[in-house]
Amino acid sequence: MNRFLVTLILCSLGSAAFAAQPHAFKITSSAFAPHGTLSDEQVFNSFGCSGKNLSPALHWSDAPQGTKSFALMVYDPDAPTGSGWWHWVVYNIPASATDLGTGAGAAASTLLPAGALQGRTDFGTTGYGGPCPPAGDRPHRYIFTLYALKVEKLDVPADASPALIGFNARANMLAAAKITALFGR
């Protein structure tokens, strides 16, 4: 076979394989663009900040086949703690869910999908705790990571730390989708 024909066949096979690829698992928010700034609506209301402390609306799509539940973790790696700061942890989100509405992260939320649980954050409570970096710091990154899990429920104690929930989420992960927001003051 001549080289041109071999190249043409290989390119055709590569194009067909690329076209057959499923869409990538992704997470988006109507509250902020990727690497956009969070608004006062999402900012914490304490520690010198005066926001509304409402969790942003989140939507996801194209979860991998076999997904049985989701876990969401929101982390600030720039917090001056030596270990970052966990702002929100939600797990046992049913596989049928495709979004969390604005304010779903309230401590006594009735807006979470049935069966979903909120874990303890570094504020020492459950529920969403918005950004409030030290005044004068460069803007911090708030990484929203949604894990598609191969189990219906994470087997963790009710008072599990974010690290323990994260460990179990990663151990049972089929895929992860991320979106990052910024905030500084």
C-alpha atoms as a PDB file:
ATOM      1  CA  MET A   1       0.000   0.000   0.000  1.00  0.00           C
ATOM      2  CA  ASN A   2       1.308   3.434  -0.704  1.00  0.00           C
ATOM      3  CA  ARG A   3       2.017   5.894   2.087  1.00  0.00           C
ATOM      4  CA  PHE A   4      -0.742   8.288   1.079  1.00  0.00           C
ATOM      5  CA  LEU A   5      -3.414   5.596   1.358  1.00  0.00           C
ATOM      6  CA  VAL A   6      -2.078   4.379   4.741  1.00  0.00           C
ATOM      7  CA  THR A   7      -2.053   7.977   6.045  1.00  0.00           C
ATOM      8  CA  LEU A   8      -5.588   8.576   4.778  1.00  0.00           C
ATOM      9  CA  ILE A   9      -6.863   5.410   6.472  1.00  0.00           C
ATOM     10  CA  LEU A  10      -5.149   6.231   9.773  1.00  0.00           C
ATOM     11  CA  CYS A  11      -6.500   9.815   9.733  1.00  0.00           C
ATOM     12  CA  SER A  12     -10.008   8.536   9.030  1.00  0.00           C
ATOM     13  CA  LEU A  13      -9.800   6.074  11.911  1.00  0.00           C
ATOM     14  CA  GLY A  14      -8.500   8.798  14.226  1.00  0.00           C
ATOM     15  CA  SER A  15     -11.317  11.163  13.225  1.00  0.00           C
ATOM     16  CA  ALA A  16     -13.940   8.463  13.777  1.00  0.00           C
ATOM     17  CA  ALA A  17     -12.518   7.655  17.210  1.00  0.00           C
ATOM     18  CA  PHE A  18     -12.486  11.346  18.130  1.00  0.00           C
ATOM     19  CA  ALA A  19     -16.078  11.822  16.965  1.00  0.00           C
ATOM     20  CA  ALA A  20     -17.202   8.827  19.046  1.00  0.00           C
ATOM     21  CA  GLN A  21     -15.813  10.351  22.260  1.00  0.00           C
ATOM     22  CA  PRO A  22     -18.576  11.281  24.736  1.00  0.00           C
ATOM     23  CA  HIS A  23     -18.919  14.869  25.895  1.00  0.00           C
ATOM     24  CA  ALA A  24     -16.757  15.694  28.869  1.00  0.00           C
ATOM     25  CA  PHE A  25     -18.285  15.774  32.358  1.00  0.00           C
ATOM     26  CA  LYS A  26     -18.570  19.456  33.262  1.00  0.00           C
ATOM     27  CA  ILE A  27     -19.866  21.821  35.926  1.00  0.00           C
ATOM     28  CA  THR A  28     -21.012  25.403  35.330  1.00  0.00           C
ATOM     29  CA  SER A  29     -22.572  28.230  37.311  1.00  0.00           C
ATOM     30  CA  SER A  30     -24.942  31.021  36.363  1.00  0.00           C
ATOM     31  CA  ALA A  31     -23.474  33.024  39.281  1.00  0.00           C
ATOM     32  CA  PHE A  32     -19.926  33.278  37.886  1.00  0.00           C
ATOM     33  CA  ALA A  33     -17.892  32.518  34.780  1.00  0.00           C
ATOM     34  CA  PRO A  34     -14.898  30.180  35.014  1.00  0.00           C
ATOM     35  CA  HIS A  35     -12.171  32.148  36.848  1.00  0.00           C
ATOM     36  CA  GLY A  36     -14.697  34.957  37.342  1.00  0.00           C
ATOM     37  CA  THR A  37     -15.270  36.839  40.576  1.00  0.00           C
ATOM     38  CA  LEU A  38     -17.848  35.751  43.123  1.00  0.00           C
ATOM     39  CA  SER A  39     -20.397  38.435  44.027  1.00  0.00           C
ATOM     40  CA  ASP A  40     -21.378  39.773  47.449  1.00  0.00           C
ATOM     41  CA  GLU A  41     -24.297  37.344  47.277  1.00  0.00           C
ATOM     42  CA  GLN A  42     -21.846  34.434  47.774  1.00  0.00           C
ATOM     43  CA  VAL A  43     -19.490  36.166  50.272  1.00  0.00           C
ATOM     44  CA  PHE A  44     -19.441  35.090  53.939  1.00  0.00           C
ATOM     45  CA  ASN A  45     -21.214  37.268  56.514  1.00  0.00           C
ATOM     46  CA  SER A  46     -18.706  37.337  59.386  1.00  0.00           C
ATOM     47  CA  PHE A  47     -14.944  37.618  59.996  1.00  0.00           C
ATOM     48  CA  GLY A  48     -15.099  41.210  58.676  1.00  0.00           C
ATOM     49  CA  CYS A  49     -17.099  40.329  55.555  1.00  0.00           C
ATOM     50  CA  SER A  50     -20.705  41.355  54.994  1.00  0.00           C
ATOM     51  CA  GLY A  51     -22.024  39.214  52.146  1.00  0.00           C
ATOM     52  CA  LYS A  52     -25.267  37.263  51.898  1.00  0.00           C
ATOM     53  CA  ASN A  53     -23.502  33.869  52.205  1.00  0.00           C
ATOM     54  CA  LEU A  54     -25.677  32.211  49.562  1.00  0.00           C
ATOM     55  CA  SER A  55     -24.227  29.215  47.770  1.00  0.00           C
ATOM     56  CA  PRO A  56     -24.127  29.785  44.007  1.00  0.00           C
ATOM     57  CA  ALA A  57     -26.332  27.925  41.558  1.00  0.00           C
ATOM     58  CA  LEU A  58     -24.429  25.016  39.987  1.00  0.00           C
ATOM     59  CA  HIS A  59     -25.329  22.830  37.019  1.00  0.00           C
ATOM     60  CA  TRP A  60     -23.571  19.745  35.658  1.00  0.00           C
ATOM     61  CA  SER A  61     -23.888  17.566  32.608  1.00  0.00           C
ATOM     62  CA  ASP A  62     -22.440  14.549  30.834  1.00  0.00           C
ATOM     63  CA  ALA A  63     -21.745  12.475  33.944  1.00  0.00           C
ATOM     64  CA  PRO A  64     -20.025   9.200  33.065  1.00  0.00           C
ATOM     65  CA  GLN A  65     -22.018   6.030  32.611  1.00  0.00           C
ATOM     66  CA  GLY A  66     -22.305   4.114  35.873  1.00  0.00           C
ATOM     67  CA  THR A  67     -22.571   7.234  38.067  1.00  0.00           C
ATOM     68  CA  LYS A  68     -24.543   6.337  41.198  1.00  0.00           C
ATOM     69  CA  SER A  69     -24.113   9.576  43.167  1.00  0.00           C
ATOM     70  CA  PHE A  70     -22.158  12.841  43.330  1.00  0.00           C
ATOM     71  CA  ALA A  71     -20.097  14.689  45.925  1.00  0.00           C
ATOM     72  CA  LEU A  72     -19.326  18.416  45.773  1.00  0.00           C
ATOM     73  CA  MET A  73     -16.367  19.971  47.555  1.00  0.00           C
ATOM     74  CA  VAL A  74     -15.443  23.662  47.567  1.00  0.00           C
ATOM     75  CA  TYR A  75     -11.864  24.441  48.577  1.00  0.00           C
ATOM     76  CA  ASP A  76      -9.674  27.551  48.874  1.00  0.00           C
ATOM     77  CA  PRO A  77      -6.036  26.470  48.456  1.00  0.00           C
ATOM     78  CA  ASP A  78      -4.865  30.071  49.053  1.00  0.00           C
ATOM     79  CA  ALA A  79      -6.157  30.432  52.632  1.00  0.00           C
ATOM     80  CA  PRO A  80      -3.258  31.318  54.944  1.00  0.00           C
ATOM     81  CA  THR A  81      -3.651  28.201  57.087  1.00  0.00           C
ATOM     82  CA  GLY A  82      -0.962  25.921  55.709  1.00  0.00           C
ATOM     83  CA  SER A  83      -3.687  23.516  54.597  1.00  0.00           C
ATOM     84  CA  GLY A  84      -6.234  25.641  52.703  1.00  0.00           C
ATOM     85  CA  TRP A  85      -9.896  26.038  53.688  1.00  0.00           C
ATOM     86  CA  TRP A  86     -12.956  23.886  53.007  1.00  0.00           C
ATOM     87  CA  HIS A  87     -15.988  26.096  52.281  1.00  0.00           C
ATOM     88  CA  TRP A  88     -18.680  23.575  51.354  1.00  0.00           C
ATOM     89  CA  VAL A  89     -19.074  19.799  51.305  1.00  0.00           C
ATOM     90  CA  VAL A  90     -22.171  18.026  49.936  1.00  0.00           C
ATOM     91  CA  TYR A  91     -22.271  14.282  49.367  1.00  0.00           C
ATOM     92  CA  ASN A  92     -24.718  11.468  48.605  1.00  0.00           C
ATOM     93  CA  ILE A  93     -26.244  13.678  45.909  1.00  0.00           C
ATOM     94  CA  PRO A  94     -28.405  11.285  43.863  1.00  0.00           C
ATOM     95  CA  ALA A  95     -27.282  10.376  40.354  1.00  0.00           C
ATOM     96  CA  SER A  96     -30.520  11.827  38.963  1.00  0.00           C
ATOM     97  CA  ALA A  97     -29.555  15.353  40.116  1.00  0.00           C
ATOM     98  CA  THR A  98     -28.097  17.793  37.603  1.00  0.00           C
ATOM     99  CA  ASP A  99     -27.975  20.969  39.667  1.00  0.00           C
ATOM    100  CA  LEU A 100     -28.001  22.732  43.006  1.00  0.00           C
ATOM    101  CA  GLY A 101     -29.974  25.970  43.141  1.00  0.00           C
ATOM    102  CA  THR A 102     -28.915  29.277  44.656  1.00  0.00           C
ATOM    103  CA  GLY A 103     -28.953  28.973  48.440  1.00  0.00           C
ATOM    104  CA  ALA A 104     -29.029  25.159  48.491  1.00  0.00           C
ATOM    105  CA  GLY A 105     -26.076  25.301  50.887  1.00  0.00           C
ATOM    106  CA  ALA A 106     -27.990  26.858  53.785  1.00  0.00           C
ATOM    107  CA  ALA A 107     -27.327  24.892  56.981  1.00  0.00           C
ATOM    108  CA  ALA A 108     -30.965  23.756  57.239  1.00  0.00           C
ATOM    109  CA  SER A 109     -31.532  23.671  53.488  1.00  0.00           C
ATOM    110  CA  THR A 110     -34.645  22.153  52.028  1.00  0.00           C
ATOM    111  CA  LEU A 111     -33.282  22.867  48.542  1.00  0.00           C
ATOM    112  CA  LEU A 112     -30.859  19.933  48.392  1.00  0.00           C
ATOM    113  CA  PRO A 113     -31.906  16.816  46.460  1.00  0.00           C
ATOM    114  CA  ALA A 114     -33.470  14.091  48.654  1.00  0.00           C
ATOM    115  CA  GLY A 115     -30.751  12.073  50.411  1.00  0.00           C
ATOM    116  CA  ALA A 116     -27.960  14.635  49.947  1.00  0.00           C
ATOM    117  CA  LEU A 117     -25.986  15.502  53.077  1.00  0.00           C
ATOM    118  CA  GLN A 118     -23.818  18.487  53.921  1.00  0.00           C
ATOM    119  CA  GLY A 119     -20.530  17.855  55.668  1.00  0.00           C
ATOM    120  CA  ARG A 120     -18.644  19.957  58.166  1.00  0.00           C
ATOM    121  CA  THR A 121     -16.586  22.829  56.762  1.00  0.00           C
ATOM    122  CA  ASP A 122     -13.545  24.579  58.195  1.00  0.00           C
ATOM    123  CA  PHE A 123     -15.936  27.108  59.744  1.00  0.00           C
ATOM    124  CA  GLY A 124     -16.832  24.216  62.083  1.00  0.00           C
ATOM    125  CA  THR A 125     -20.405  23.935  60.828  1.00  0.00           C
ATOM    126  CA  THR A 126     -22.311  22.252  58.027  1.00  0.00           C
ATOM    127  CA  GLY A 127     -23.557  24.184  55.033  1.00  0.00           C
ATOM    128  CA  TYR A 128     -22.005  26.655  52.650  1.00  0.00           C
ATOM    129  CA  GLY A 129     -19.529  29.177  54.053  1.00  0.00           C
ATOM    130  CA  GLY A 130     -18.647  31.812  51.484  1.00  0.00           C
ATOM    131  CA  PRO A 131     -15.305  33.448  50.803  1.00  0.00           C
ATOM    132  CA  CYS A 132     -13.805  35.961  53.202  1.00  0.00           C
ATOM    133  CA  PRO A 133     -10.060  36.117  52.572  1.00  0.00           C
ATOM    134  CA  PRO A 134      -7.901  38.461  54.632  1.00  0.00           C
ATOM    135  CA  ALA A 135      -8.139  42.099  53.540  1.00  0.00           C
ATOM    136  CA  GLY A 136      -5.261  43.003  51.243  1.00  0.00           C
ATOM    137  CA  ASP A 137      -4.537  39.415  50.166  1.00  0.00           C
ATOM    138  CA  ARG A 138      -4.439  38.723  46.455  1.00  0.00           C
ATOM    139  CA  PRO A 139      -7.714  37.189  45.228  1.00  0.00           C
ATOM    140  CA  HIS A 140      -8.150  33.620  46.442  1.00  0.00           C
ATOM    141  CA  ARG A 141      -9.227  30.698  44.251  1.00  0.00           C
ATOM    142  CA  TYR A 142     -12.401  28.825  45.170  1.00  0.00           C
ATOM    143  CA  ILE A 143     -12.345  25.443  43.461  1.00  0.00           C
ATOM    144  CA  PHE A 144     -15.729  23.756  43.060  1.00  0.00           C
ATOM    145  CA  THR A 145     -15.072  20.052  42.383  1.00  0.00           C
ATOM    146  CA  LEU A 146     -17.923  17.706  41.599  1.00  0.00           C
ATOM    147  CA  TYR A 147     -17.119  13.999  41.812  1.00  0.00           C
ATOM    148  CA  ALA A 148     -19.178  11.429  39.886  1.00  0.00           C
ATOM    149  CA  LEU A 149     -19.126   8.352  42.118  1.00  0.00           C
ATOM    150  CA  LYS A 150     -19.530   4.625  41.529  1.00  0.00           C
ATOM    151  CA  VAL A 151     -21.366   4.196  44.857  1.00  0.00           C
ATOM    152  CA  GLU A 152     -24.818   5.427  45.937  1.00  0.00           C
ATOM    153  CA  LYS A 153     -23.575   6.636  49.313  1.00  0.00           C
ATOM    154  CA  LEU A 154     -20.254   7.479  50.919  1.00  0.00           C
ATOM    155  CA  ASP A 155     -19.822   5.486  54.114  1.00  0.00           C
ATOM    156  CA  VAL A 156     -18.564   8.239  56.418  1.00  0.00           C
ATOM    157  CA  PRO A 157     -19.590   9.339  59.935  1.00  0.00           C
ATOM    158  CA  ALA A 158     -21.988  12.301  60.218  1.00  0.00           C
ATOM    159  CA  ASP A 159     -19.198  14.474  61.674  1.00  0.00           C
ATOM    160  CA  ALA A 160     -16.556  13.419  59.108  1.00  0.00           C
ATOM    161  CA  SER A 161     -13.909  15.973  58.232  1.00  0.00           C
ATOM    162  CA  PRO A 162     -13.755  17.344  54.693  1.00  0.00           C
ATOM    163  CA  ALA A 163     -10.495  15.433  54.226  1.00  0.00           C
ATOM    164  CA  LEU A 164     -12.173  12.112  55.086  1.00  0.00           C
ATOM    165  CA  ILE A 165     -15.102  12.833  52.763  1.00  0.00           C
ATOM    166  CA  GLY A 166     -12.658  13.884  50.030  1.00  0.00           C
ATOM    167  CA  PHE A 167     -10.620  10.708  50.512  1.00  0.00           C
ATOM    168  CA  ASN A 168     -13.741   8.554  50.138  1.00  0.00           C
ATOM    169  CA  ALA A 169     -14.956  10.570  47.143  1.00  0.00           C
ATOM    170  CA  ARG A 170     -11.631  10.120  45.350  1.00  0.00           C
ATOM    171  CA  ALA A 171     -11.530   6.409  46.204  1.00  0.00           C
ATOM    172  CA  ASN A 172     -14.955   5.970  44.559  1.00  0.00           C
ATOM    173  CA  MET A 173     -14.589   8.477  41.729  1.00  0.00           C
ATOM    174  CA  LEU A 174     -15.478   7.768  38.114  1.00  0.00           C
ATOM    175  CA  ALA A 175     -14.711  11.343  37.027  1.00  0.00           C
ATOM    176  CA  ALA A 176     -14.352  14.861  38.415  1.00  0.00           C
ATOM    177  CA  ALA A 177     -15.467  18.207  37.004  1.00  0.00           C
ATOM    178  CA  LYS A 178     -14.111  21.527  38.264  1.00  0.00           C
ATOM    179  CA  ILE A 179     -14.884  25.201  38.033  1.00  0.00           C
ATOM    180  CA  THR A 180     -12.867  27.895  39.808  1.00  0.00           C
ATOM    181  CA  ALA A 181     -14.060  31.276  41.062  1.00  0.00           C
ATOM    182  CA  LEU A 182     -12.035  34.165  42.506  1.00  0.00           C
ATOM    183  CA  PHE A 183     -12.577  36.611  45.335  1.00  0.00           C
ATOM    184  CA  GLY A 184     -10.395  39.147  47.091  1.00  0.00           C
ATOM    185  CA  ARG A 185     -10.873  42.179  49.287  1.00  0.00           C
END
